[in-house]
Amino acid sequence: APWREWELTSRTKLIEFAERNQIPIAKDKRGEAPFSVDA
């Protein structure tokens, strides 16, 4: 369960990790996190 193990505890850290590892980031994922949706 990564959320219980890692230190990526903010949206900013998640995006920084993605950028360091060449993970594509959609434009609407940058900046402040949107509300969470499950469907």
ModelCIF file with pLDDT and N, C-alpha, C, O atoms, coordinates in Angstrom:
data_MODEL
#
_entry.id   MODEL 
#
_entity.id                         1 
_entity.type                       polymer 
_entity.pdbx_number_of_molecules   1 
#
_entity_poly.entity_id                      1 
_entity_poly.type                           'polypeptide(L)' 
_entity_poly.nstd_linkage                   no 
_entity_poly.nstd_monomer                   no 
_entity_poly.pdbx_seq_one_letter_code       APWREWELTSRTKLIEFAERNQIPIAKDKRGEAPFSVDA 
_entity_poly.pdbx_seq_one_letter_code_can   APWREWELTSRTKLIEFAERNQIPIAKDKRGEAPFSVDA 
_entity_poly.pdbx_strand_id                 A 
#
loop_
_entity_poly_seq.entity_id 
_entity_poly_seq.num 
_entity_poly_seq.mon_id 
_entity_poly_seq.hetero 
1 1  ALA n 
1 2  PRO n 
1 3  TRP n 
1 4  ARG n 
1 5  GLU n 
1 6  TRP n 
1 7  GLU n 
1 8  LEU n 
1 9  THR n 
1 10 SER n 
1 11 ARG n 
1 12 THR n 
1 13 LYS n 
1 14 LEU n 
1 15 ILE n 
1 16 GLU n 
1 17 PHE n 
1 18 ALA n 
1 19 GLU n 
1 20 ARG n 
1 21 ASN n 
1 22 GLN n 
1 23 ILE n 
1 24 PRO n 
1 25 ILE n 
1 26 ALA n 
1 27 LYS n 
1 28 ASP n 
1 29 LYS n 
1 30 ARG n 
1 31 GLY n 
1 32 GLU n 
1 33 ALA n 
1 34 PRO n 
1 35 PHE n 
1 36 SER n 
1 37 VAL n 
1 38 ASP n 
1 39 ALA n 
#
_struct_asym.id          A 
_struct_asym.entity_id   1 
#
loop_
_ma_qa_metric.id 
_ma_qa_metric.mode 
_ma_qa_metric.name 
_ma_qa_metric.software_group_id 
_ma_qa_metric.type 
1 global pLDDT . pLDDT 
2 local  pLDDT . pLDDT 
#
_ma_qa_metric_global.metric_id      1 
_ma_qa_metric_global.metric_value   79.97 
_ma_qa_metric_global.model_id       1 
_ma_qa_metric_global.ordinal_id     1 
#
loop_
_ma_qa_metric_local.label_asym_id 
_ma_qa_metric_local.label_comp_id 
_ma_qa_metric_local.label_seq_id 
_ma_qa_metric_local.metric_id 
_ma_qa_metric_local.metric_value 
_ma_qa_metric_local.model_id 
_ma_qa_metric_local.ordinal_id 
A ALA 1  2 95.00 1 1  
A PRO 2  2 95.00 1 2  
A TRP 3  2 91.00 1 3  
A ARG 4  2 93.00 1 4  
A GLU 5  2 93.00 1 5  
A TRP 6  2 93.00 1 6  
A GLU 7  2 90.00 1 7  
A LEU 8  2 89.00 1 8  
A THR 9  2 81.00 1 9  
A SER 10 2 76.00 1 10 
A ARG 11 2 73.00 1 11 
A THR 12 2 80.00 1 12 
A LYS 13 2 86.00 1 13 
A LEU 14 2 83.00 1 14 
A ILE 15 2 86.00 1 15 
A GLU 16 2 89.00 1 16 
A PHE 17 2 90.00 1 17 
A ALA 18 2 88.00 1 18 
A GLU 19 2 89.00 1 19 
A ARG 20 2 91.00 1 20 
A ASN 21 2 89.00 1 21 
A GLN 22 2 85.00 1 22 
A ILE 23 2 86.00 1 23 
A PRO 24 2 80.00 1 24 
A ILE 25 2 75.00 1 25 
A ALA 26 2 67.00 1 26 
A LYS 27 2 58.00 1 27 
A ASP 28 2 55.00 1 28 
A LYS 29 2 57.00 1 29 
A ARG 30 2 58.00 1 30 
A GLY 31 2 57.00 1 31 
A GLU 32 2 56.00 1 32 
A ALA 33 2 53.00 1 33 
A PRO 34 2 64.00 1 34 
A PHE 35 2 75.00 1 35 
A SER 36 2 82.00 1 36 
A VAL 37 2 87.00 1 37 
A ASP 38 2 90.00 1 38 
A ALA 39 2 94.00 1 39 
#
loop_
_atom_site.group_PDB 
_atom_site.id 
_atom_site.type_symbol 
_atom_site.label_atom_id 
_atom_site.label_alt_id 
_atom_site.label_comp_id 
_atom_site.label_asym_id 
_atom_site.label_entity_id 
_atom_site.label_seq_id 
_atom_site.pdbx_PDB_ins_code 
_atom_site.Cartn_x 
_atom_site.Cartn_y 
_atom_site.Cartn_z 
_atom_site.occupancy 
_atom_site.B_iso_or_equiv 
_atom_site.pdbx_formal_charge 
_atom_site.auth_seq_id 
_atom_site.auth_comp_id 
_atom_site.auth_asym_id 
_atom_site.auth_atom_id 
_atom_site.pdbx_PDB_model_num 
ATOM 1   N N  . ALA A 1 1  ? 0.862   -1.185 0.000   1.00 95.00 ? 1  ALA A N  1 
ATOM 2   C CA . ALA A 1 1  ? 0.000   0.000  0.000   1.00 95.00 ? 1  ALA A CA 1 
ATOM 3   C C  . ALA A 1 1  ? 0.899   1.236  0.000   1.00 95.00 ? 1  ALA A C  1 
ATOM 4   O O  . ALA A 1 1  ? 1.254   1.731  1.070   1.00 95.00 ? 1  ALA A O  1 
ATOM 5   N N  . PRO A 1 2  ? 1.275   1.745  -1.180  1.00 95.00 ? 2  PRO A N  1 
ATOM 6   C CA . PRO A 1 2  ? 2.252   2.842  -1.259  1.00 95.00 ? 2  PRO A CA 1 
ATOM 7   C C  . PRO A 1 2  ? 1.913   4.048  -0.400  1.00 95.00 ? 2  PRO A C  1 
ATOM 8   O O  . PRO A 1 2  ? 2.811   4.653  0.185   1.00 95.00 ? 2  PRO A O  1 
ATOM 9   N N  . TRP A 1 3  ? 0.620   4.418  -0.310  1.00 91.00 ? 3  TRP A N  1 
ATOM 10  C CA . TRP A 1 3  ? 0.263   5.605  0.460   1.00 91.00 ? 3  TRP A CA 1 
ATOM 11  C C  . TRP A 1 3  ? 0.596   5.456  1.941   1.00 91.00 ? 3  TRP A C  1 
ATOM 12  O O  . TRP A 1 3  ? 0.665   6.454  2.659   1.00 91.00 ? 3  TRP A O  1 
ATOM 13  N N  . ARG A 1 4  ? 0.801   4.231  2.406   1.00 93.00 ? 4  ARG A N  1 
ATOM 14  C CA . ARG A 1 4  ? 1.195   4.014  3.800   1.00 93.00 ? 4  ARG A CA 1 
ATOM 15  C C  . ARG A 1 4  ? 2.711   3.897  3.945   1.00 93.00 ? 4  ARG A C  1 
ATOM 16  O O  . ARG A 1 4  ? 3.224   3.815  5.061   1.00 93.00 ? 4  ARG A O  1 
ATOM 17  N N  . GLU A 1 5  ? 3.430   3.888  2.817   1.00 93.00 ? 5  GLU A N  1 
ATOM 18  C CA . GLU A 1 5  ? 4.874   3.677  2.869   1.00 93.00 ? 5  GLU A CA 1 
ATOM 19  C C  . GLU A 1 5  ? 5.693   4.867  2.381   1.00 93.00 ? 5  GLU A C  1 
ATOM 20  O O  . GLU A 1 5  ? 6.713   5.204  2.983   1.00 93.00 ? 5  GLU A O  1 
ATOM 21  N N  . TRP A 1 6  ? 5.258   5.503  1.300   1.00 93.00 ? 6  TRP A N  1 
ATOM 22  C CA . TRP A 1 6  ? 6.126   6.482  0.670   1.00 93.00 ? 6  TRP A CA 1 
ATOM 23  C C  . TRP A 1 6  ? 6.069   7.845  1.351   1.00 93.00 ? 6  TRP A C  1 
ATOM 24  O O  . TRP A 1 6  ? 5.299   8.062  2.287   1.00 93.00 ? 6  TRP A O  1 
ATOM 25  N N  . GLU A 1 7  ? 6.907   8.759  0.858   1.00 90.00 ? 7  GLU A N  1 
ATOM 26  C CA . GLU A 1 7  ? 6.971   10.111 1.406   1.00 90.00 ? 7  GLU A CA 1 
ATOM 27  C C  . GLU A 1 7  ? 6.394   11.135 0.431   1.00 90.00 ? 7  GLU A C  1 
ATOM 28  O O  . GLU A 1 7  ? 6.615   12.337 0.577   1.00 90.00 ? 7  GLU A O  1 
ATOM 29  N N  . LEU A 1 8  ? 5.650   10.647 -0.568  1.00 89.00 ? 8  LEU A N  1 
ATOM 30  C CA . LEU A 1 8  ? 5.016   11.553 -1.538  1.00 89.00 ? 8  LEU A CA 1 
ATOM 31  C C  . LEU A 1 8  ? 3.675   11.994 -0.970  1.00 89.00 ? 8  LEU A C  1 
ATOM 32  O O  . LEU A 1 8  ? 2.615   11.586 -1.446  1.00 89.00 ? 8  LEU A O  1 
ATOM 33  N N  . THR A 1 9  ? 3.741   12.827 0.046   1.00 81.00 ? 9  THR A N  1 
ATOM 34  C CA . THR A 1 9  ? 2.559   13.150 0.844   1.00 81.00 ? 9  THR A CA 1 
ATOM 35  C C  . THR A 1 9  ? 1.803   14.387 0.366   1.00 81.00 ? 9  THR A C  1 
ATOM 36  O O  . THR A 1 9  ? 0.884   14.845 1.044   1.00 81.00 ? 9  THR A O  1 
ATOM 37  N N  . SER A 1 10 ? 2.171   14.927 -0.779  1.00 76.00 ? 10 SER A N  1 
ATOM 38  C CA . SER A 1 10 ? 1.459   16.088 -1.302  1.00 76.00 ? 10 SER A CA 1 
ATOM 39  C C  . SER A 1 10 ? 1.336   15.977 -2.809  1.00 76.00 ? 10 SER A C  1 
ATOM 40  O O  . SER A 1 10 ? 2.042   15.193 -3.443  1.00 76.00 ? 10 SER A O  1 
ATOM 41  N N  . ARG A 1 11 ? 0.437   16.763 -3.378  1.00 73.00 ? 11 ARG A N  1 
ATOM 42  C CA . ARG A 1 11 ? 0.265   16.772 -4.837  1.00 73.00 ? 11 ARG A CA 1 
ATOM 43  C C  . ARG A 1 11 ? 1.535   17.247 -5.512  1.00 73.00 ? 11 ARG A C  1 
ATOM 44  O O  . ARG A 1 11 ? 1.919   16.728 -6.560  1.00 73.00 ? 11 ARG A O  1 
ATOM 45  N N  . THR A 1 12 ? 2.185   18.228 -4.919  1.00 80.00 ? 12 THR A N  1 
ATOM 46  C CA . THR A 1 12 ? 3.417   18.771 -5.495  1.00 80.00 ? 12 THR A CA 1 
ATOM 47  C C  . THR A 1 12 ? 4.494   17.696 -5.584  1.00 80.00 ? 12 THR A C  1 
ATOM 48  O O  . THR A 1 12 ? 5.179   17.585 -6.600  1.00 80.00 ? 12 THR A O  1 
ATOM 49  N N  . LYS A 1 13 ? 4.647   16.902 -4.522  1.00 86.00 ? 13 LYS A N  1 
ATOM 50  C CA . LYS A 1 13 ? 5.664   15.842 -4.520  1.00 86.00 ? 13 LYS A CA 1 
ATOM 51  C C  . LYS A 1 13 ? 5.352   14.756 -5.535  1.00 86.00 ? 13 LYS A C  1 
ATOM 52  O O  . LYS A 1 13 ? 6.256   14.201 -6.159  1.00 86.00 ? 13 LYS A O  1 
ATOM 53  N N  . LEU A 1 14 ? 4.061   14.453 -5.702  1.00 83.00 ? 14 LEU A N  1 
ATOM 54  C CA . LEU A 1 14 ? 3.662   13.469 -6.712  1.00 83.00 ? 14 LEU A CA 1 
ATOM 55  C C  . LEU A 1 14 ? 4.067   13.939 -8.103  1.00 83.00 ? 14 LEU A C  1 
ATOM 56  O O  . LEU A 1 14 ? 4.616   13.167 -8.889  1.00 83.00 ? 14 LEU A O  1 
ATOM 57  N N  . ILE A 1 15 ? 3.795   15.210 -8.408  1.00 86.00 ? 15 ILE A N  1 
ATOM 58  C CA . ILE A 1 15 ? 4.099   15.751 -9.733  1.00 86.00 ? 15 ILE A CA 1 
ATOM 59  C C  . ILE A 1 15 ? 5.606   15.836 -9.941  1.00 86.00 ? 15 ILE A C  1 
ATOM 60  O O  . ILE A 1 15 ? 6.096   15.559 -11.036 1.00 86.00 ? 15 ILE A O  1 
ATOM 61  N N  . GLU A 1 16 ? 6.341   16.215 -8.907  1.00 89.00 ? 16 GLU A N  1 
ATOM 62  C CA . GLU A 1 16 ? 7.798   16.264 -9.016  1.00 89.00 ? 16 GLU A CA 1 
ATOM 63  C C  . GLU A 1 16 ? 8.369   14.884 -9.306  1.00 89.00 ? 16 GLU A C  1 
ATOM 64  O O  . GLU A 1 16 ? 9.280   14.744 -10.122 1.00 89.00 ? 16 GLU A O  1 
ATOM 65  N N  . PHE A 1 17 ? 7.832   13.857 -8.635  1.00 90.00 ? 17 PHE A N  1 
ATOM 66  C CA . PHE A 1 17 ? 8.274   12.483 -8.875  1.00 90.00 ? 17 PHE A CA 1 
ATOM 67  C C  . PHE A 1 17 ? 7.974   12.081 -10.315 1.00 90.00 ? 17 PHE A C  1 
ATOM 68  O O  . PHE A 1 17 ? 8.806   11.468 -10.985 1.00 90.00 ? 17 PHE A O  1 
ATOM 69  N N  . ALA A 1 18 ? 6.777   12.432 -10.783 1.00 88.00 ? 18 ALA A N  1 
ATOM 70  C CA . ALA A 1 18 ? 6.394   12.102 -12.161 1.00 88.00 ? 18 ALA A CA 1 
ATOM 71  C C  . ALA A 1 18 ? 7.325   12.779 -13.166 1.00 88.00 ? 18 ALA A C  1 
ATOM 72  O O  . ALA A 1 18 ? 7.741   12.161 -14.146 1.00 88.00 ? 18 ALA A O  1 
ATOM 73  N N  . GLU A 1 19 ? 7.649   14.040 -12.922 1.00 89.00 ? 19 GLU A N  1 
ATOM 74  C CA . GLU A 1 19 ? 8.528   14.768 -13.839 1.00 89.00 ? 19 GLU A CA 1 
ATOM 75  C C  . GLU A 1 19 ? 9.924   14.164 -13.862 1.00 89.00 ? 19 GLU A C  1 
ATOM 76  O O  . GLU A 1 19 ? 10.532  14.051 -14.926 1.00 89.00 ? 19 GLU A O  1 
ATOM 77  N N  . ARG A 1 20 ? 10.440  13.774 -12.693 1.00 91.00 ? 20 ARG A N  1 
ATOM 78  C CA . ARG A 1 20 ? 11.779  13.179 -12.626 1.00 91.00 ? 20 ARG A CA 1 
ATOM 79  C C  . ARG A 1 20 ? 11.837  11.857 -13.375 1.00 91.00 ? 20 ARG A C  1 
ATOM 80  O O  . ARG A 1 20 ? 12.892  11.462 -13.873 1.00 91.00 ? 20 ARG A O  1 
ATOM 81  N N  . ASN A 1 21 ? 10.703  11.177 -13.452 1.00 89.00 ? 21 ASN A N  1 
ATOM 82  C CA . ASN A 1 21 ? 10.677  9.848  -14.058 1.00 89.00 ? 21 ASN A CA 1 
ATOM 83  C C  . ASN A 1 21 ? 9.983   9.817  -15.415 1.00 89.00 ? 21 ASN A C  1 
ATOM 84  O O  . ASN A 1 21 ? 9.585   8.752  -15.887 1.00 89.00 ? 21 ASN A O  1 
ATOM 85  N N  . GLN A 1 22 ? 9.837   10.985 -16.044 1.00 85.00 ? 22 GLN A N  1 
ATOM 86  C CA . GLN A 1 22 ? 9.266   11.103 -17.384 1.00 85.00 ? 22 GLN A CA 1 
ATOM 87  C C  . GLN A 1 22 ? 7.874   10.471 -17.497 1.00 85.00 ? 22 GLN A C  1 
ATOM 88  O O  . GLN A 1 22 ? 7.548   9.848  -18.507 1.00 85.00 ? 22 GLN A O  1 
ATOM 89  N N  . ILE A 1 23 ? 7.064   10.638 -16.457 1.00 86.00 ? 23 ILE A N  1 
ATOM 90  C CA . ILE A 1 23 ? 5.676   10.175 -16.497 1.00 86.00 ? 23 ILE A CA 1 
ATOM 91  C C  . ILE A 1 23 ? 4.813   11.316 -17.017 1.00 86.00 ? 23 ILE A C  1 
ATOM 92  O O  . ILE A 1 23 ? 4.813   12.399 -16.430 1.00 86.00 ? 23 ILE A O  1 
ATOM 93  N N  . PRO A 1 24 ? 4.080   11.100 -18.104 1.00 80.00 ? 24 PRO A N  1 
ATOM 94  C CA . PRO A 1 24 ? 3.253   12.191 -18.661 1.00 80.00 ? 24 PRO A CA 1 
ATOM 95  C C  . PRO A 1 24 ? 2.251   12.713 -17.635 1.00 80.00 ? 24 PRO A C  1 
ATOM 96  O O  . PRO A 1 24 ? 1.646   11.948 -16.883 1.00 80.00 ? 24 PRO A O  1 
ATOM 97  N N  . ILE A 1 25 ? 2.094   14.032 -17.626 1.00 75.00 ? 25 ILE A N  1 
ATOM 98  C CA . ILE A 1 25 ? 1.165   14.670 -16.698 1.00 75.00 ? 25 ILE A CA 1 
ATOM 99  C C  . ILE A 1 25 ? 0.173   15.493 -17.511 1.00 75.00 ? 25 ILE A C  1 
ATOM 100 O O  . ILE A 1 25 ? 0.564   16.426 -18.212 1.00 75.00 ? 25 ILE A O  1 
ATOM 101 N N  . ALA A 1 26 ? -1.098  15.153 -17.419 1.00 67.00 ? 26 ALA A N  1 
ATOM 102 C CA . ALA A 1 26 ? -2.122  15.925 -18.119 1.00 67.00 ? 26 ALA A CA 1 
ATOM 103 C C  . ALA A 1 26 ? -2.164  17.343 -17.566 1.00 67.00 ? 26 ALA A C  1 
ATOM 104 O O  . ALA A 1 26 ? -1.878  17.580 -16.393 1.00 67.00 ? 26 ALA A O  1 
ATOM 105 N N  . LYS A 1 27 ? -2.527  18.277 -18.435 1.00 58.00 ? 27 LYS A N  1 
ATOM 106 C CA . LYS A 1 27 ? -2.542  19.686 -18.021 1.00 58.00 ? 27 LYS A CA 1 
ATOM 107 C C  . LYS A 1 27 ? -3.462  19.921 -16.832 1.00 58.00 ? 27 LYS A C  1 
ATOM 108 O O  . LYS A 1 27 ? -3.153  20.732 -15.959 1.00 58.00 ? 27 LYS A O  1 
ATOM 109 N N  . ASP A 1 28 ? -4.593  19.216 -16.792 1.00 55.00 ? 28 ASP A N  1 
ATOM 110 C CA . ASP A 1 28 ? -5.537  19.444 -15.699 1.00 55.00 ? 28 ASP A CA 1 
ATOM 111 C C  . ASP A 1 28 ? -5.097  18.788 -14.401 1.00 55.00 ? 28 ASP A C  1 
ATOM 112 O O  . ASP A 1 28 ? -5.772  18.928 -13.381 1.00 55.00 ? 28 ASP A O  1 
ATOM 113 N N  . LYS A 1 29 ? -3.968  18.067 -14.421 1.00 57.00 ? 29 LYS A N  1 
ATOM 114 C CA . LYS A 1 29 ? -3.456  17.453 -13.200 1.00 57.00 ? 29 LYS A CA 1 
ATOM 115 C C  . LYS A 1 29 ? -2.427  18.339 -12.498 1.00 57.00 ? 29 LYS A C  1 
ATOM 116 O O  . LYS A 1 29 ? -2.057  18.078 -11.353 1.00 57.00 ? 29 LYS A O  1 
ATOM 117 N N  . ARG A 1 30 ? -1.966  19.379 -13.183 1.00 58.00 ? 30 ARG A N  1 
ATOM 118 C CA . ARG A 1 30 ? -1.002  20.290 -12.561 1.00 58.00 ? 30 ARG A CA 1 
ATOM 119 C C  . ARG A 1 30 ? -1.734  21.267 -11.638 1.00 58.00 ? 30 ARG A C  1 
ATOM 120 O O  . ARG A 1 30 ? -2.944  21.469 -11.737 1.00 58.00 ? 30 ARG A O  1 
ATOM 121 N N  . GLY A 1 31 ? -0.962  21.852 -10.755 1.00 57.00 ? 31 GLY A N  1 
ATOM 122 C CA . GLY A 1 31 ? -1.564  22.804 -9.833  1.00 57.00 ? 31 GLY A CA 1 
ATOM 123 C C  . GLY A 1 31 ? -2.326  22.102 -8.730  1.00 57.00 ? 31 GLY A C  1 
ATOM 124 O O  . GLY A 1 31 ? -1.992  20.980 -8.349  1.00 57.00 ? 31 GLY A O  1 
ATOM 125 N N  . GLU A 1 32 ? -3.342  22.758 -8.224  1.00 56.00 ? 32 GLU A N  1 
ATOM 126 C CA . GLU A 1 32 ? -4.104  22.240 -7.102  1.00 56.00 ? 32 GLU A CA 1 
ATOM 127 C C  . GLU A 1 32 ? -4.903  21.001 -7.504  1.00 56.00 ? 32 GLU A C  1 
ATOM 128 O O  . GLU A 1 32 ? -5.460  20.938 -8.600  1.00 56.00 ? 32 GLU A O  1 
ATOM 129 N N  . ALA A 1 33 ? -4.952  20.018 -6.604  1.00 53.00 ? 33 ALA A N  1 
ATOM 130 C CA . ALA A 1 33 ? -5.651  18.774 -6.911  1.00 53.00 ? 33 ALA A CA 1 
ATOM 131 C C  . ALA A 1 33 ? -7.139  19.005 -7.082  1.00 53.00 ? 33 ALA A C  1 
ATOM 132 O O  . ALA A 1 33 ? -7.737  19.764 -6.320  1.00 53.00 ? 33 ALA A O  1 
ATOM 133 N N  . PRO A 1 34 ? -7.756  18.356 -8.082  1.00 64.00 ? 34 PRO A N  1 
ATOM 134 C CA . PRO A 1 34 ? -9.208  18.431 -8.215  1.00 64.00 ? 34 PRO A CA 1 
ATOM 135 C C  . PRO A 1 34 ? -9.866  17.568 -7.152  1.00 64.00 ? 34 PRO A C  1 
ATOM 136 O O  . PRO A 1 34 ? -9.193  16.838 -6.424  1.00 64.00 ? 34 PRO A O  1 
ATOM 137 N N  . PHE A 1 35 ? -11.192 17.658 -7.070  1.00 75.00 ? 35 PHE A N  1 
ATOM 138 C CA . PHE A 1 35 ? -11.864 16.758 -6.131  1.00 75.00 ? 35 PHE A CA 1 
ATOM 139 C C  . PHE A 1 35 ? -11.748 15.322 -6.648  1.00 75.00 ? 35 PHE A C  1 
ATOM 140 O O  . PHE A 1 35 ? -11.573 15.086 -7.844  1.00 75.00 ? 35 PHE A O  1 
ATOM 141 N N  . SER A 1 36 ? -11.851 14.378 -5.723  1.00 82.00 ? 36 SER A N  1 
ATOM 142 C CA . SER A 1 36 ? -11.653 12.968 -6.036  1.00 82.00 ? 36 SER A CA 1 
ATOM 143 C C  . SER A 1 36 ? -12.946 12.348 -6.540  1.00 82.00 ? 36 SER A C  1 
ATOM 144 O O  . SER A 1 36 ? -14.016 12.584 -5.979  1.00 82.00 ? 36 SER A O  1 
ATOM 145 N N  . VAL A 1 37 ? -12.845 11.549 -7.609  1.00 87.00 ? 37 VAL A N  1 
ATOM 146 C CA . VAL A 1 37 ? -14.013 10.890 -8.202  1.00 87.00 ? 37 VAL A CA 1 
ATOM 147 C C  . VAL A 1 37 ? -13.743 9.398  -8.327  1.00 87.00 ? 37 VAL A C  1 
ATOM 148 O O  . VAL A 1 37 ? -12.679 8.985  -8.787  1.00 87.00 ? 37 VAL A O  1 
ATOM 149 N N  . ASP A 1 38 ? -14.704 8.606  -7.918  1.00 90.00 ? 38 ASP A N  1 
ATOM 150 C CA . ASP A 1 38 ? -14.681 7.162  -8.169  1.00 90.00 ? 38 ASP A CA 1 
ATOM 151 C C  . ASP A 1 38 ? -15.957 6.826  -8.925  1.00 90.00 ? 38 ASP A C  1 
ATOM 152 O O  . ASP A 1 38 ? -17.036 7.298  -8.565  1.00 90.00 ? 38 ASP A O  1 
ATOM 153 N N  . ALA A 1 39 ? -15.841 6.015  -9.967  1.00 94.00 ? 39 ALA A N  1 
ATOM 154 C CA . ALA A 1 39 ? -17.024 5.715  -10.778 1.00 94.00 ? 39 ALA A CA 1 
ATOM 155 C C  . ALA A 1 39 ? -17.007 4.264  -11.235 1.00 94.00 ? 39 ALA A C  1 
ATOM 156 O O  . ALA A 1 39 ? -17.924 3.824  -11.929 1.00 94.00 ? 39 ALA A O  1 
#
